[in-house]
């Protein structure tokens, strides 16, 4: 999940290469939607063994209420820190 700021807008997406995709979003080349809203902060991530499971989870989260998404993010990342740097370790 990408955000523009603490408790700001939230974008949920799926990718097979998270570091590359987040880099695209941060550089403004990921998608016009993400670039238009300034979603540059990686605030939540999950990894699944099968792409089918990943897509199903993404679709489910996209249907959630905003409060539930915030609760999910804050259970892992209370301060909405940018987790991008943790991908490169």
Protein backbone atom coordinates (compact mmCIF):
# COMPACT_ATOMS: atom_id res chain seq x y z
CA UNK A 1 0.00 0.00 0.00
CA UNK A 2 1.26 3.42 -0.95
CA UNK A 3 0.31 6.72 0.68
CA UNK A 4 0.97 10.38 0.09
CA UNK A 5 1.37 11.21 3.79
CA UNK A 6 0.45 10.08 7.31
CA UNK A 7 -3.18 8.97 7.24
CA UNK A 8 -3.53 10.49 3.79
CA UNK A 9 -4.63 8.90 0.56
CA UNK A 10 -4.06 5.15 0.21
CA UNK A 11 -3.34 3.17 -2.96
CA UNK A 12 -3.44 -0.63 -2.98
CA UNK A 13 -1.69 -2.55 -5.72
CA UNK A 14 0.00 -5.83 -6.55
CA UNK A 15 3.34 -6.60 -8.16
CA UNK A 16 5.83 -9.42 -8.59
CA UNK A 17 8.76 -7.03 -8.02
CA UNK A 18 8.00 -4.65 -5.15
CA UNK A 19 11.29 -2.70 -5.05
CA UNK A 20 11.11 -2.02 -8.79
CA UNK A 21 7.43 -1.04 -8.73
CA UNK A 22 7.83 1.29 -5.74
CA UNK A 23 10.81 2.90 -7.49
CA UNK A 24 8.60 3.53 -10.50
CA UNK A 25 5.93 5.16 -8.35
CA UNK A 26 8.48 7.28 -6.52
CA UNK A 27 9.90 8.48 -9.85
CA UNK A 28 6.45 9.25 -11.25
CA UNK A 29 6.62 6.56 -13.94
CA UNK A 30 4.50 3.86 -12.25
CA UNK A 31 1.05 5.02 -13.31
CA UNK A 32 -0.67 8.31 -13.97
CA UNK A 33 -3.13 7.67 -11.12
CA UNK A 34 -0.40 7.13 -8.52
CA UNK A 35 1.69 10.02 -9.85
CA UNK A 36 -1.32 12.33 -9.88
CA UNK A 37 -2.02 11.74 -6.22
CA UNK A 38 1.60 11.71 -5.09
CA UNK A 39 1.59 8.22 -3.61
CA UNK A 40 5.32 7.84 -2.95
CA UNK A 41 5.42 6.38 0.56
CA UNK A 42 5.34 2.58 0.93
CA UNK A 43 3.40 2.12 4.17
CA UNK A 44 2.31 -1.53 4.08
CA UNK A 45 3.32 -4.72 2.30
CA UNK A 46 2.48 -8.39 2.35
CA UNK A 47 4.13 -11.26 0.55
CA UNK A 48 2.31 -14.35 -0.70
CA UNK A 49 3.68 -17.53 -2.25
CA UNK A 50 1.17 -17.65 -5.12
CA UNK A 51 0.21 -14.73 -7.36
CA UNK A 52 -3.42 -15.87 -7.24
CA UNK A 53 -3.43 -15.40 -3.46
CA UNK A 54 -1.84 -11.98 -3.85
CA UNK A 55 -4.45 -10.82 -6.35
CA UNK A 56 -7.31 -12.16 -4.22
CA UNK A 57 -5.97 -10.31 -1.17
CA UNK A 58 -5.58 -7.07 -3.15
CA UNK A 59 -9.16 -7.28 -4.42
CA UNK A 60 -10.46 -7.94 -0.91
CA UNK A 61 -8.55 -5.00 0.61
CA UNK A 62 -9.75 -2.67 -2.14
CA UNK A 63 -13.33 -3.37 -1.01
CA UNK A 64 -12.56 -2.57 2.63
CA UNK A 65 -13.63 0.56 4.44
CA UNK A 66 -10.93 3.18 4.86
CA UNK A 67 -10.85 2.67 8.64
CA UNK A 68 -10.02 -1.01 8.17
CA UNK A 69 -7.15 -0.15 5.82
CA UNK A 70 -5.77 2.34 8.34
CA UNK A 71 -6.01 -0.29 11.08
CA UNK A 72 -4.14 -2.79 8.90
CA UNK A 73 -1.38 -0.29 8.10
CA UNK A 74 -0.99 0.84 11.71
CA UNK A 75 -0.81 -2.72 13.04
CA UNK A 76 2.45 -3.04 11.07
CA UNK A 77 3.57 0.57 10.68
CA UNK A 78 2.12 2.78 13.41
CA UNK A 79 3.75 5.99 12.20
CA UNK A 80 3.26 5.40 8.48
CA UNK A 81 6.99 5.40 7.91
CA UNK A 82 8.22 4.87 4.36
CA UNK A 83 9.23 1.19 4.23
CA UNK A 84 11.00 1.45 0.88
CA UNK A 85 14.50 1.44 2.36
CA UNK A 86 13.75 -1.78 4.24
CA UNK A 87 13.30 -3.54 0.87
CA UNK A 88 16.93 -2.99 -0.06
CA UNK A 89 18.47 -4.60 3.01
